[in-house]
Amino acid sequence: MIKIDFAKGNGLVPCIVQDEKDQVLMLAYMNEESLRRTQETGYATYWSRSRRELWVKGETSGHYQHVLSIKVDCDEDTLLIKVKQDGAACHTGHYSCFYRTLEGEETDE
């Protein structure tokens, strides 16, 4: 059985979130509790580093992430979560949080 190395990141692991078409939607963090809740409910649940609390993606916006799969990297310290995204993933209203180039141009792909 795979054991996630939460200790390496002081109790958190980064989670790369992709949609069914492999578009990267966002990067979030999970602790053991948020991963457990995600697995139990099927809704992506993360740890908010700024608010220091669990949050279900879409709970306030209605833009839920329905988890399709969870993969673990070779070092067992990063997760790749595939989701069916309801609406926008980004709090700005964009579908993906990665809608700008380094030069500042919006791509919204």
PDB file of N, CA and C in Angstrom:
ATOM      1  N   MET A   1       0.844  -1.197   0.000  1.00  0.00           N
ATOM      2  CA  MET A   1       0.000   0.000   0.000  1.00  0.00           C
ATOM      3  C   MET A   1       0.880   1.248   0.000  1.00  0.00           C
ATOM      4  N   ILE A   2       0.465   2.240  -0.751  1.00  0.00           N
ATOM      5  CA  ILE A   2       1.221   3.490  -0.853  1.00  0.00           C
ATOM      6  C   ILE A   2       0.943   4.345   0.373  1.00  0.00           C
ATOM      7  N   LYS A   3       1.996   4.896   0.937  1.00  0.00           N
ATOM      8  CA  LYS A   3       1.867   5.794   2.085  1.00  0.00           C
ATOM      9  C   LYS A   3       2.380   7.162   1.659  1.00  0.00           C
ATOM     10  N   ILE A   4       1.535   8.160   1.741  1.00  0.00           N
ATOM     11  CA  ILE A   4       1.903   9.521   1.349  1.00  0.00           C
ATOM     12  C   ILE A   4       2.827  10.104   2.411  1.00  0.00           C
ATOM     13  N   ASP A   5       3.902  10.755   1.957  1.00  0.00           N
ATOM     14  CA  ASP A   5       4.894  11.335   2.872  1.00  0.00           C
ATOM     15  C   ASP A   5       4.500  12.772   3.221  1.00  0.00           C
ATOM     16  N   PHE A   6       3.577  12.902   4.177  1.00  0.00           N
ATOM     17  CA  PHE A   6       3.150  14.220   4.627  1.00  0.00           C
ATOM     18  C   PHE A   6       4.230  14.917   5.458  1.00  0.00           C
ATOM     19  N   ALA A   7       5.111  14.153   6.072  1.00  0.00           N
ATOM     20  CA  ALA A   7       6.141  14.723   6.948  1.00  0.00           C
ATOM     21  C   ALA A   7       7.112  15.617   6.177  1.00  0.00           C
ATOM     22  N   LYS A   8       7.395  15.253   4.950  1.00  0.00           N
ATOM     23  CA  LYS A   8       8.360  16.007   4.148  1.00  0.00           C
ATOM     24  C   LYS A   8       7.945  17.468   3.966  1.00  0.00           C
ATOM     25  N   GLY A   9       6.636  17.717   3.874  1.00  0.00           N
ATOM     26  CA  GLY A   9       6.121  19.069   3.677  1.00  0.00           C
ATOM     27  C   GLY A   9       5.445  19.623   4.914  1.00  0.00           C
ATOM     28  N   ASN A  10       5.933  19.228   6.091  1.00  0.00           N
ATOM     29  CA  ASN A  10       5.355  19.703   7.359  1.00  0.00           C
ATOM     30  C   ASN A  10       3.850  19.454   7.445  1.00  0.00           C
ATOM     31  N   GLY A  11       3.432  18.268   7.025  1.00  0.00           N
ATOM     32  CA  GLY A  11       2.037  17.877   7.131  1.00  0.00           C
ATOM     33  C   GLY A  11       1.203  18.127   5.893  1.00  0.00           C
ATOM     34  N   LEU A  12       1.800  18.728   4.863  1.00  0.00           N
ATOM     35  CA  LEU A  12       1.071  19.041   3.626  1.00  0.00           C
ATOM     36  C   LEU A  12       1.764  18.444   2.413  1.00  0.00           C
ATOM     37  N   VAL A  13       0.972  18.099   1.410  1.00  0.00           N
ATOM     38  CA  VAL A  13       1.519  17.711   0.115  1.00  0.00           C
ATOM     39  C   VAL A  13       0.853  18.562  -0.958  1.00  0.00           C
ATOM     40  N   PRO A  14       1.625  18.955  -1.985  1.00  0.00           N
ATOM     41  CA  PRO A  14       1.015  19.693  -3.096  1.00  0.00           C
ATOM     42  C   PRO A  14       0.159  18.764  -3.948  1.00  0.00           C
ATOM     43  N   CYS A  15      -0.919  19.329  -4.504  1.00  0.00           N
ATOM     44  CA  CYS A  15      -1.841  18.587  -5.359  1.00  0.00           C
ATOM     45  C   CYS A  15      -1.999  19.346  -6.664  1.00  0.00           C
ATOM     46  N   ILE A  16      -1.589  18.726  -7.735  1.00  0.00           N
ATOM     47  CA  ILE A  16      -1.816  19.284  -9.054  1.00  0.00           C
ATOM     48  C   ILE A  16      -3.194  18.785  -9.487  1.00  0.00           C
ATOM     49  N   VAL A  17      -4.045  19.693  -9.936  1.00  0.00           N
ATOM     50  CA  VAL A  17      -5.422  19.324 -10.280  1.00  0.00           C
ATOM     51  C   VAL A  17      -5.626  19.523 -11.786  1.00  0.00           C
ATOM     52  N   GLN A  18      -6.085  18.454 -12.448  1.00  0.00           N
ATOM     53  CA  GLN A  18      -6.345  18.477 -13.883  1.00  0.00           C
ATOM     54  C   GLN A  18      -7.791  18.086 -14.156  1.00  0.00           C
ATOM     55  N   ASP A  19      -8.312  18.575 -15.297  1.00  0.00           N
ATOM     56  CA  ASP A  19      -9.632  18.131 -15.723  1.00  0.00           C
ATOM     57  C   ASP A  19      -9.511  16.864 -16.567  1.00  0.00           C
ATOM     58  N   GLU A  20     -10.640  16.378 -17.091  1.00  0.00           N
ATOM     59  CA  GLU A  20     -10.653  15.132 -17.865  1.00  0.00           C
ATOM     60  C   GLU A  20      -9.844  15.220 -19.158  1.00  0.00           C
ATOM     61  N   LYS A  21      -9.596  16.450 -19.620  1.00  0.00           N
ATOM     62  CA  LYS A  21      -8.822  16.641 -20.859  1.00  0.00           C
ATOM     63  C   LYS A  21      -7.359  16.942 -20.567  1.00  0.00           C
ATOM     64  N   ASP A  22      -6.948  16.746 -19.324  1.00  0.00           N
ATOM     65  CA  ASP A  22      -5.564  16.937 -18.856  1.00  0.00           C
ATOM     66  C   ASP A  22      -5.142  18.395 -18.738  1.00  0.00           C
ATOM     67  N   GLN A  23      -6.083  19.339 -18.803  1.00  0.00           N
ATOM     68  CA  GLN A  23      -5.719  20.742 -18.575  1.00  0.00           C
ATOM     69  C   GLN A  23      -5.474  20.944 -17.088  1.00  0.00           C
ATOM     70  N   VAL A  24      -4.360  21.578 -16.760  1.00  0.00           N
ATOM     71  CA  VAL A  24      -4.065  21.885 -15.361  1.00  0.00           C
ATOM     72  C   VAL A  24      -4.983  23.014 -14.921  1.00  0.00           C
ATOM     73  N   LEU A  25      -5.718  22.768 -13.837  1.00  0.00           N
ATOM     74  CA  LEU A  25      -6.663  23.755 -13.336  1.00  0.00           C
ATOM     75  C   LEU A  25      -6.097  24.577 -12.196  1.00  0.00           C
ATOM     76  N   MET A  26      -5.364  23.930 -11.308  1.00  0.00           N
ATOM     77  CA  MET A  26      -4.889  24.643 -10.122  1.00  0.00           C
ATOM     78  C   MET A  26      -3.871  23.795  -9.373  1.00  0.00           C
ATOM     79  N   LEU A  27      -3.234  24.416  -8.413  1.00  0.00           N
ATOM     80  CA  LEU A  27      -2.357  23.747  -7.466  1.00  0.00           C
ATOM     81  C   LEU A  27      -2.923  24.046  -6.084  1.00  0.00           C
ATOM     82  N   ALA A  28      -3.087  23.007  -5.286  1.00  0.00           N
ATOM     83  CA  ALA A  28      -3.601  23.174  -3.928  1.00  0.00           C
ATOM     84  C   ALA A  28      -2.787  22.281  -3.010  1.00  0.00           C
ATOM     85  N   TYR A  29      -3.129  22.283  -1.739  1.00  0.00           N
ATOM     86  CA  TYR A  29      -2.418  21.462  -0.760  1.00  0.00           C
ATOM     87  C   TYR A  29      -3.409  20.614   0.019  1.00  0.00           C
ATOM     88  N   MET A  30      -2.945  19.436   0.403  1.00  0.00           N
ATOM     89  CA  MET A  30      -3.753  18.540   1.229  1.00  0.00           C
ATOM     90  C   MET A  30      -2.960  18.116   2.452  1.00  0.00           C
ATOM     91  N   ASN A  31      -3.695  17.893   3.536  1.00  0.00           N
ATOM     92  CA  ASN A  31      -3.126  17.205   4.683  1.00  0.00           C
ATOM     93  C   ASN A  31      -3.820  15.843   4.754  1.00  0.00           C
ATOM     94  N   GLU A  32      -3.508  15.055   5.765  1.00  0.00           N
ATOM     95  CA  GLU A  32      -4.086  13.710   5.846  1.00  0.00           C
ATOM     96  C   GLU A  32      -5.608  13.742   5.928  1.00  0.00           C
ATOM     97  N   GLU A  33      -6.141  14.685   6.690  1.00  0.00           N
ATOM     98  CA  GLU A  33      -7.597  14.789   6.857  1.00  0.00           C
ATOM     99  C   GLU A  33      -8.289  15.168   5.562  1.00  0.00           C
ATOM    100  N   SER A  34      -7.742  16.128   4.818  1.00  0.00           N
ATOM    101  CA  SER A  34      -8.388  16.537   3.567  1.00  0.00           C
ATOM    102  C   SER A  34      -8.337  15.420   2.533  1.00  0.00           C
ATOM    103  N   LEU A  35      -7.257  14.648   2.508  1.00  0.00           N
ATOM    104  CA  LEU A  35      -7.174  13.509   1.593  1.00  0.00           C
ATOM    105  C   LEU A  35      -8.210  12.454   1.974  1.00  0.00           C
ATOM    106  N   ARG A  36      -8.335  12.176   3.253  1.00  0.00           N
ATOM    107  CA  ARG A  36      -9.321  11.195   3.726  1.00  0.00           C
ATOM    108  C   ARG A  36     -10.730  11.629   3.331  1.00  0.00           C
ATOM    109  N   ARG A  37     -11.058  12.899   3.566  1.00  0.00           N
ATOM    110  CA  ARG A  37     -12.403  13.400   3.227  1.00  0.00           C
ATOM    111  C   ARG A  37     -12.644  13.365   1.721  1.00  0.00           C
ATOM    112  N   THR A  38     -11.624  13.680   0.946  1.00  0.00           N
ATOM    113  CA  THR A  38     -11.742  13.619  -0.510  1.00  0.00           C
ATOM    114  C   THR A  38     -12.078  12.202  -0.943  1.00  0.00           C
ATOM    115  N   GLN A  39     -11.374  11.233  -0.386  1.00  0.00           N
ATOM    116  CA  GLN A  39     -11.611   9.842  -0.744  1.00  0.00           C
ATOM    117  C   GLN A  39     -12.998   9.371  -0.290  1.00  0.00           C
ATOM    118  N   GLU A  40     -13.441   9.837   0.835  1.00  0.00           N
ATOM    119  CA  GLU A  40     -14.749   9.430   1.364  1.00  0.00           C
ATOM    120  C   GLU A  40     -15.918  10.044   0.606  1.00  0.00           C
ATOM    121  N   THR A  41     -15.796  11.324   0.245  1.00  0.00           N
ATOM    122  CA  THR A  41     -16.929  12.040  -0.344  1.00  0.00           C
ATOM    123  C   THR A  41     -16.916  12.093  -1.864  1.00  0.00           C
ATOM    124  N   GLY A  42     -15.730  11.991  -2.479  1.00  0.00           N
ATOM    125  CA  GLY A  42     -15.615  12.146  -3.925  1.00  0.00           C
ATOM    126  C   GLY A  42     -15.526  13.592  -4.376  1.00  0.00           C
ATOM    127  N   TYR A  43     -15.568  14.529  -3.418  1.00  0.00           N
ATOM    128  CA  TYR A  43     -15.394  15.953  -3.707  1.00  0.00           C
ATOM    129  C   TYR A  43     -14.005  16.381  -3.241  1.00  0.00           C
ATOM    130  N   ALA A  44     -13.300  17.149  -4.069  1.00  0.00           N
ATOM    131  CA  ALA A  44     -11.961  17.602  -3.710  1.00  0.00           C
ATOM    132  C   ALA A  44     -12.030  18.503  -2.485  1.00  0.00           C
ATOM    133  N   THR A  45     -11.282  18.114  -1.466  1.00  0.00           N
ATOM    134  CA  THR A  45     -11.202  18.862  -0.214  1.00  0.00           C
ATOM    135  C   THR A  45      -9.738  19.164   0.039  1.00  0.00           C
ATOM    136  N   TYR A  46      -9.426  20.423   0.289  1.00  0.00           N
ATOM    137  CA  TYR A  46      -8.042  20.856   0.430  1.00  0.00           C
ATOM    138  C   TYR A  46      -7.811  21.495   1.792  1.00  0.00           C
ATOM    139  N   TRP A  47      -6.535  21.795   2.057  1.00  0.00           N
ATOM    140  CA  TRP A  47      -6.150  22.536   3.248  1.00  0.00           C
ATOM    141  C   TRP A  47      -5.794  23.949   2.812  1.00  0.00           C
ATOM    142  N   SER A  48      -6.473  24.932   3.372  1.00  0.00           N
ATOM    143  CA  SER A  48      -6.170  26.327   3.068  1.00  0.00           C
ATOM    144  C   SER A  48      -5.027  26.780   3.965  1.00  0.00           C
ATOM    145  N   ARG A  49      -3.905  27.109   3.355  1.00  0.00           N
ATOM    146  CA  ARG A  49      -2.747  27.564   4.140  1.00  0.00           C
ATOM    147  C   ARG A  49      -2.983  28.943   4.727  1.00  0.00           C
ATOM    148  N   SER A  50      -3.752  29.781   4.053  1.00  0.00           N
ATOM    149  CA  SER A  50      -4.001  31.132   4.563  1.00  0.00           C
ATOM    150  C   SER A  50      -5.047  31.141   5.680  1.00  0.00           C
ATOM    151  N   ARG A  51      -6.119  30.361   5.499  1.00  0.00           N
ATOM    152  CA  ARG A  51      -7.171  30.325   6.519  1.00  0.00           C
ATOM    153  C   ARG A  51      -6.917  29.253   7.587  1.00  0.00           C
ATOM    154  N   ARG A  52      -5.983  28.366   7.291  1.00  0.00           N
ATOM    155  CA  ARG A  52      -5.632  27.278   8.213  1.00  0.00           C
ATOM    156  C   ARG A  52      -6.846  26.424   8.564  1.00  0.00           C
ATOM    157  N   GLU A  53      -7.562  26.012   7.494  1.00  0.00           N
ATOM    158  CA  GLU A  53      -8.732  25.151   7.683  1.00  0.00           C
ATOM    159  C   GLU A  53      -8.992  24.351   6.408  1.00  0.00           C
ATOM    160  N   LEU A  54      -9.781  23.289   6.551  1.00  0.00           N
ATOM    161  CA  LEU A  54     -10.189  22.499   5.404  1.00  0.00           C
ATOM    162  C   LEU A  54     -11.196  23.283   4.577  1.00  0.00           C
ATOM    163  N   TRP A  55     -11.178  23.074   3.255  1.00  0.00           N
ATOM    164  CA  TRP A  55     -12.197  23.668   2.398  1.00  0.00           C
ATOM    165  C   TRP A  55     -12.528  22.720   1.255  1.00  0.00           C
ATOM    166  N   VAL A  56     -13.815  22.571   1.033  1.00  0.00           N
ATOM    167  CA  VAL A  56     -14.310  21.773  -0.087  1.00  0.00           C
ATOM    168  C   VAL A  56     -14.398  22.711  -1.278  1.00  0.00           C
ATOM    169  N   LYS A  57     -13.673  22.395  -2.328  1.00  0.00           N
ATOM    170  CA  LYS A  57     -13.698  23.234  -3.522  1.00  0.00           C
ATOM    171  C   LYS A  57     -15.119  23.281  -4.067  1.00  0.00           C
ATOM    172  N   GLY A  58     -15.681  24.469  -4.174  1.00  0.00           N
ATOM    173  CA  GLY A  58     -17.016  24.658  -4.703  1.00  0.00           C
ATOM    174  C   GLY A  58     -18.096  24.828  -3.646  1.00  0.00           C
ATOM    175  N   GLU A  59     -17.731  24.681  -2.385  1.00  0.00           N
ATOM    176  CA  GLU A  59     -18.726  24.765  -1.321  1.00  0.00           C
ATOM    177  C   GLU A  59     -19.444  26.115  -1.296  1.00  0.00           C
ATOM    178  N   THR A  60     -18.715  27.186  -1.567  1.00  0.00           N
ATOM    179  CA  THR A  60     -19.361  28.504  -1.583  1.00  0.00           C
ATOM    180  C   THR A  60     -19.710  28.963  -3.001  1.00  0.00           C
ATOM    181  N   SER A  61     -18.928  28.564  -3.998  1.00  0.00           N
ATOM    182  CA  SER A  61     -19.148  29.025  -5.377  1.00  0.00           C
ATOM    183  C   SER A  61     -20.069  28.113  -6.183  1.00  0.00           C
ATOM    184  N   GLY A  62     -20.200  26.864  -5.762  1.00  0.00           N
ATOM    185  CA  GLY A  62     -20.939  25.888  -6.554  1.00  0.00           C
ATOM    186  C   GLY A  62     -20.088  25.234  -7.622  1.00  0.00           C
ATOM    187  N   HIS A  63     -18.826  25.593  -7.691  1.00  0.00           N
ATOM    188  CA  HIS A  63     -17.905  25.066  -8.699  1.00  0.00           C
ATOM    189  C   HIS A  63     -17.136  23.873  -8.128  1.00  0.00           C
ATOM    190  N   TYR A  64     -17.861  22.805  -7.879  1.00  0.00           N
ATOM    191  CA  TYR A  64     -17.288  21.611  -7.261  1.00  0.00           C
ATOM    192  C   TYR A  64     -16.320  20.895  -8.188  1.00  0.00           C
ATOM    193  N   GLN A  65     -15.423  20.145  -7.569  1.00  0.00           N
ATOM    194  CA  GLN A  65     -14.527  19.253  -8.295  1.00  0.00           C
ATOM    195  C   GLN A  65     -14.875  17.824  -7.899  1.00  0.00           C
ATOM    196  N   HIS A  66     -15.397  17.072  -8.861  1.00  0.00           N
ATOM    197  CA  HIS A  66     -15.756  15.677  -8.655  1.00  0.00           C
ATOM    198  C   HIS A  66     -14.533  14.834  -8.993  1.00  0.00           C
ATOM    199  N   VAL A  67     -13.987  14.160  -8.019  1.00  0.00           N
ATOM    200  CA  VAL A  67     -12.720  13.444  -8.186  1.00  0.00           C
ATOM    201  C   VAL A  67     -12.917  12.186  -9.015  1.00  0.00           C
ATOM    202  N   LEU A  68     -12.114  12.070 -10.072  1.00  0.00           N
ATOM    203  CA  LEU A  68     -12.127  10.905 -10.952  1.00  0.00           C
ATOM    204  C   LEU A  68     -11.008   9.936 -10.591  1.00  0.00           C
ATOM    205  N   SER A  69      -9.840  10.481 -10.239  1.00  0.00           N
ATOM    206  CA  SER A  69      -8.713   9.632  -9.851  1.00  0.00           C
ATOM    207  C   SER A  69      -7.703  10.449  -9.051  1.00  0.00           C
ATOM    208  N   ILE A  70      -6.909   9.732  -8.274  1.00  0.00           N
ATOM    209  CA  ILE A  70      -5.818  10.352  -7.528  1.00  0.00           C
ATOM    210  C   ILE A  70      -4.573   9.518  -7.773  1.00  0.00           C
ATOM    211  N   LYS A  71      -3.537  10.145  -8.291  1.00  0.00           N
ATOM    212  CA  LYS A  71      -2.255   9.477  -8.529  1.00  0.00           C
ATOM    213  C   LYS A  71      -1.206  10.067  -7.602  1.00  0.00           C
ATOM    214  N   VAL A  72      -0.192   9.293  -7.333  1.00  0.00           N
ATOM    215  CA  VAL A  72       0.889   9.677  -6.434  1.00  0.00           C
ATOM    216  C   VAL A  72       2.195   9.656  -7.211  1.00  0.00           C
ATOM    217  N   ASP A  73       3.052  10.643  -6.983  1.00  0.00           N
ATOM    218  CA  ASP A  73       4.331  10.667  -7.693  1.00  0.00           C
ATOM    219  C   ASP A  73       5.291   9.632  -7.096  1.00  0.00           C
ATOM    220  N   CYS A  74       6.444   9.477  -7.736  1.00  0.00           N
ATOM    221  CA  CYS A  74       7.417   8.448  -7.361  1.00  0.00           C
ATOM    222  C   CYS A  74       7.990   8.635  -5.966  1.00  0.00           C
ATOM    223  N   ASP A  75       8.048   9.873  -5.467  1.00  0.00           N
ATOM    224  CA  ASP A  75       8.563  10.140  -4.127  1.00  0.00           C
ATOM    225  C   ASP A  75       7.476  10.075  -3.059  1.00  0.00           C
ATOM    226  N   GLU A  76       6.251   9.844  -3.488  1.00  0.00           N
ATOM    227  CA  GLU A  76       5.091   9.752  -2.599  1.00  0.00           C
ATOM    228  C   GLU A  76       4.882  11.019  -1.771  1.00  0.00           C
ATOM    229  N   ASP A  77       5.174  12.193  -2.401  1.00  0.00           N
ATOM    230  CA  ASP A  77       4.993  13.462  -1.700  1.00  0.00           C
ATOM    231  C   ASP A  77       4.258  14.520  -2.523  1.00  0.00           C
ATOM    232  N   THR A  78       3.661  14.099  -3.635  1.00  0.00           N
ATOM    233  CA  THR A  78       2.868  14.993  -4.474  1.00  0.00           C
ATOM    234  C   THR A  78       1.726  14.188  -5.081  1.00  0.00           C
ATOM    235  N   LEU A  79       0.546  14.805  -5.156  1.00  0.00           N
ATOM    236  CA  LEU A  79      -0.616  14.139  -5.728  1.00  0.00           C
ATOM    237  C   LEU A  79      -1.019  14.796  -7.042  1.00  0.00           C
ATOM    238  N   LEU A  80      -1.547  13.990  -7.944  1.00  0.00           N
ATOM    239  CA  LEU A  80      -2.134  14.455  -9.195  1.00  0.00           C
ATOM    240  C   LEU A  80      -3.588  14.014  -9.157  1.00  0.00           C
ATOM    241  N   ILE A  81      -4.489  14.993  -9.110  1.00  0.00           N
ATOM    242  CA  ILE A  81      -5.907  14.694  -8.971  1.00  0.00           C
ATOM    243  C   ILE A  81      -6.620  15.049 -10.263  1.00  0.00           C
ATOM    244  N   LYS A  82      -7.305  14.077 -10.829  1.00  0.00           N
ATOM    245  CA  LYS A  82      -8.099  14.280 -12.036  1.00  0.00           C
ATOM    246  C   LYS A  82      -9.536  14.499 -11.588  1.00  0.00           C
ATOM    247  N   VAL A  83     -10.173  15.584 -12.092  1.00  0.00           N
ATOM    248  CA  VAL A  83     -11.519  15.946 -11.654  1.00  0.00           C
ATOM    249  C   VAL A  83     -12.427  16.266 -12.828  1.00  0.00           C
ATOM    250  N   LYS A  84     -13.717  16.169 -12.569  1.00  0.00           N
ATOM    251  CA  LYS A  84     -14.724  16.770 -13.432  1.00  0.00           C
ATOM    252  C   LYS A  84     -15.038  18.099 -12.766  1.00  0.00           C
ATOM    253  N   GLN A  85     -14.719  19.181 -13.443  1.00  0.00           N
ATOM    254  CA  GLN A  85     -14.846  20.528 -12.890  1.00  0.00           C
ATOM    255  C   GLN A  85     -16.206  21.120 -13.220  1.00  0.00           C
ATOM    256  N   ASP A  86     -16.942  21.544 -12.189  1.00  0.00           N
ATOM    257  CA  ASP A  86     -18.183  22.295 -12.392  1.00  0.00           C
ATOM    258  C   ASP A  86     -17.820  23.777 -12.461  1.00  0.00           C
ATOM    259  N   GLY A  87     -18.006  24.405 -13.614  1.00  0.00           N
ATOM    260  CA  GLY A  87     -17.718  25.835 -13.734  1.00  0.00           C
ATOM    261  C   GLY A  87     -16.233  26.130 -13.663  1.00  0.00           C
ATOM    262  N   ALA A  88     -15.900  27.268 -13.068  1.00  0.00           N
ATOM    263  CA  ALA A  88     -14.519  27.756 -12.997  1.00  0.00           C
ATOM    264  C   ALA A  88     -13.776  27.148 -11.815  1.00  0.00           C
ATOM    265  N   ALA A  89     -12.511  26.827 -12.024  1.00  0.00           N
ATOM    266  CA  ALA A  89     -11.672  26.345 -10.931  1.00  0.00           C
ATOM    267  C   ALA A  89     -11.031  27.509 -10.179  1.00  0.00           C
ATOM    268  N   CYS A  90     -10.773  28.597 -10.879  1.00  0.00           N
ATOM    269  CA  CYS A  90     -10.068  29.741 -10.290  1.00  0.00           C
ATOM    270  C   CYS A  90     -11.040  30.688  -9.579  1.00  0.00           C
ATOM    271  N   HIS A  91     -10.599  31.222  -8.461  1.00  0.00           N
ATOM    272  CA  HIS A  91     -11.442  32.167  -7.715  1.00  0.00           C
ATOM    273  C   HIS A  91     -11.678  33.474  -8.471  1.00  0.00           C
ATOM    274  N   THR A  92     -10.906  33.709  -9.549  1.00  0.00           N
ATOM    275  CA  THR A  92     -11.099  34.919 -10.355  1.00  0.00           C
ATOM    276  C   THR A  92     -12.220  34.751 -11.375  1.00  0.00           C
ATOM    277  N   GLY A  93     -12.721  33.519 -11.490  1.00  0.00           N
ATOM    278  CA  GLY A  93     -13.762  33.238 -12.471  1.00  0.00           C
ATOM    279  C   GLY A  93     -13.255  32.574 -13.737  1.00  0.00           C
ATOM    280  N   HIS A  94     -11.940  32.456 -13.884  1.00  0.00           N
ATOM    281  CA  HIS A  94     -11.366  31.755 -15.032  1.00  0.00           C
ATOM    282  C   HIS A  94     -11.481  30.251 -14.810  1.00  0.00           C
ATOM    283  N   TYR A  95     -11.568  29.526 -15.908  1.00  0.00           N
ATOM    284  CA  TYR A  95     -11.681  28.065 -15.816  1.00  0.00           C
ATOM    285  C   TYR A  95     -10.475  27.462 -15.116  1.00  0.00           C
ATOM    286  N   SER A  96      -9.278  27.914 -15.464  1.00  0.00           N
ATOM    287  CA  SER A  96      -8.029  27.452 -14.870  1.00  0.00           C
ATOM    288  C   SER A  96      -7.343  28.615 -14.159  1.00  0.00           C
ATOM    289  N   CYS A  97      -6.612  28.310 -13.116  1.00  0.00           N
ATOM    290  CA  CYS A  97      -5.825  29.352 -12.442  1.00  0.00           C
ATOM    291  C   CYS A  97      -4.639  29.788 -13.299  1.00  0.00           C
ATOM    292  N   PHE A  98      -4.289  28.991 -14.301  1.00  0.00           N
ATOM    293  CA  PHE A  98      -3.151  29.283 -15.160  1.00  0.00           C
ATOM    294  C   PHE A  98      -3.626  29.904 -16.464  1.00  0.00           C
ATOM    295  N   TYR A  99      -4.115  31.144 -16.373  1.00  0.00           N
ATOM    296  CA  TYR A  99      -4.674  31.840 -17.533  1.00  0.00           C
ATOM    297  C   TYR A  99      -3.803  32.994 -18.005  1.00  0.00           C
ATOM    298  N   ARG A 100      -2.629  33.195 -17.385  1.00  0.00           N
ATOM    299  CA  ARG A 100      -1.743  34.291 -17.784  1.00  0.00           C
ATOM    300  C   ARG A 100      -0.371  33.749 -18.142  1.00  0.00           C
ATOM    301  N   THR A 101       0.273  34.397 -19.095  1.00  0.00           N
ATOM    302  CA  THR A 101       1.657  34.079 -19.401  1.00  0.00           C
ATOM    303  C   THR A 101       2.542  34.923 -18.487  1.00  0.00           C
ATOM    304  N   LEU A 102       3.804  34.614 -18.420  1.00  0.00           N
ATOM    305  CA  LEU A 102       4.743  35.354 -17.585  1.00  0.00           C
ATOM    306  C   LEU A 102       4.808  36.820 -18.000  1.00  0.00           C
ATOM    307  N   GLU A 103       4.538  37.094 -19.266  1.00  0.00           N
ATOM    308  CA  GLU A 103       4.568  38.468 -19.774  1.00  0.00           C
ATOM    309  C   GLU A 103       3.304  39.236 -19.386  1.00  0.00           C
ATOM    310  N   GLY A 104       2.325  38.565 -18.760  1.00  0.00           N
ATOM    311  CA  GLY A 104       1.124  39.234 -18.317  1.00  0.00           C
ATOM    312  C   GLY A 104      -0.066  39.133 -19.261  1.00  0.00           C
ATOM    313  N   GLU A 105       0.104  38.417 -20.361  1.00  0.00           N
ATOM    314  CA  GLU A 105      -0.992  38.272 -21.310  1.00  0.00           C
ATOM    315  C   GLU A 105      -1.961  37.197 -20.809  1.00  0.00           C
ATOM    316  N   GLU A 106      -3.249  37.462 -20.981  1.00  0.00           N
ATOM    317  CA  GLU A 106      -4.253  36.453 -20.619  1.00  0.00           C
ATOM    318  C   GLU A 106      -4.427  35.507 -21.790  1.00  0.00           C
ATOM    319  N   THR A 107      -4.450  34.209 -21.484  1.00  0.00           N
ATOM    320  CA  THR A 107      -4.629  33.201 -22.532  1.00  0.00           C
ATOM    321  C   THR A 107      -5.990  32.528 -22.412  1.00  0.00           C
ATOM    322  N   ASP A 108      -6.451  32.296 -21.193  1.00  0.00           N
ATOM    323  CA  ASP A 108      -7.737  31.666 -20.867  1.00  0.00           C
ATOM    324  C   ASP A 108      -8.000  30.414 -21.679  1.00  0.00           C
ATOM    325  N   GLU A 109      -6.971  29.602 -21.863  1.00  0.00           N
ATOM    326  CA  GLU A 109      -7.108  28.325 -22.590  1.00  0.00           C
ATOM    327  C   GLU A 109      -7.645  27.263 -21.675  1.00  0.00           C
TER     328      GLU A 109
END
